[in-house]
Amino acid sequence: MAAELVTISPIDGSVLLRRPYLGAADAATALDRARAAQAAWRSVPVAERAAVLTRGVDAFVAKKAKIAQELTLQMGRPISQTPGEVGGFEARARHMIAIAARALVDIHPEPIAGFNRFMRREPLGVVLVVAPWNYPLLTAVNAVVPALMAGNAVILKPSAQTPLAGERIAEALNGAGLPDGLLQCLHTDHAGTQALIKSPQVDGVCFTGSVAGGTAVEQAAAGRFIHVGLELGGNDPAYVRPDANLDAAVETLVDGAFYNSGQSCCGIQRIYVERSNYAEFVDRAVALTRQYVLGNPLAAATTLGPVVRASAADAVRATIADALAKGARALIDARKFALDQPGSAYVAPQILIDVHHGMTVMNDECFGPVVGIMPVDTDDEAVALMNDSPYGLTACLFTQDEAAALALGDRLQTGTVFMNRCDYLDPALAWTGVKNTGRGATLSSIGYEHLTRPKSFHLKSL
């Protein structure tokens, strides 16, 4: 096991911070504390839990400027954009707090004389939340707040790239009056995380990350029969129908492809455009993309920051090279973006045409600012191509015809179907996926089902 966490800022390659990794004995103590705190917390009324967590969210949002700057330093998103993640944290947290009482209420079937029958949602116990670096607040809040509202204790394990995000969440919520040990932010490496998953003190795992990471989580949990929620990769498609509003489609999809330097599990990587609109759509997308400013994310004018590390940038460049070697054409001159150099974490946005599904960019996740655009002739062709992926997180349709969107959406193998928008998460709807994107769901009332277990009561009067 490694002794220390070291966070390297992608902005300039400097060491941003260091944290000691948790040892096995301290991990065992942390789990004991969580178990003891949860035993009392589960009996606290939902309204009282809500009051504590609401104060915690208030305290967190009060530090928005500081937290936003820390996010930029840790993972490179432009400072003009990181405050939005704090706002998203607030919106999701407040929504899940607001719906908790309804989501957790006892469920009564049709009455039968002489019997009192109902189902109650009980907390799992201790929930381990493993959050990634690309949206460290938004992915964590999806599980942390509802898990606590449901009566669980939470161990939050943030990414080594964004450790401050986890620390700030724990500071704010604990400072609002959570029982000691109920929410703990722990820093550990892969082996330490696997040990936590294997511990009999852990009753559920919520993991967001890569397919390889999800596989490792499943292997660690094998034979334990605990809840394992997995939100993994994506290769999300969009379809621009002949009746689409092209202005809205171009603006939305270019942003969906390049926001956060393309480092979004639900970012747009594949665009299919009905042939009559194809040339105009591509021309407009190229013109808009050329307006991006690749630079230091602390500068107000920057609209595209570095990817998370130089090795990740090299992987993005390799995906582009794979496409070019197989016949694709790149429409953006990377030389116009001076910081895009071999070995640098800065990558220019790229639009690829003449693409096909034998290219990595069209059949696997590329966590970077790259998108492939293909013409299609029919709805059927678009649906077949959209479904031709090992992933299924979101898919979006640009059309003026809602009935057509609903009909096509029923045929798409995906967790969320959008019409005229993309790269968005509504906390009132379940966030889920199919195929290699994972299993389970967070957010909405359905999210509470995955953080509790049902207990049936069957009481007969004599």
Foldseek 3Di string as FASTA:
>chain_A
DDQKQWAAFQLPRHTDDMDGADDPVVVVVLLVLQQVLLVVQQPDDLVVLLQLVVQLLVQLLVCLLVLLVLLCRLFNAASVCSSVLNVLLSVLLNVLSVCLCVLQDWAADDDDPQKGKIKGWAFQAEEEEEAESLSRRNSRSLCPNNLSSRRYAYEYEYDSSRLVNLVSSCCSSVVSPRPPSRYHYGYHDPVVVLVVLLDPSHQEYAYEEALVSLVSSCVSNPPVPHHYFYQHAAAEEEEEEPAFDLVLVLVFLLCLQQRSQQQARFRHAEYEYAVVCQVVSVVSNLVVLVPAAEHRSHDPRHNHYFGRALVLQVQLVVLVVQFVVVPKDKDDDQVVHVQPDRSRRTGRAIEIEPGDCVGCSQEHDRRGRYHYYYYDHDLVVVQVSSQNYQWAFEYEYGHPDVVVQVVSVVSHQHDYYYYSHTPDDDLQDWRATDGSSTGDTTHHSSNSPSRTDMDMDIGGHD
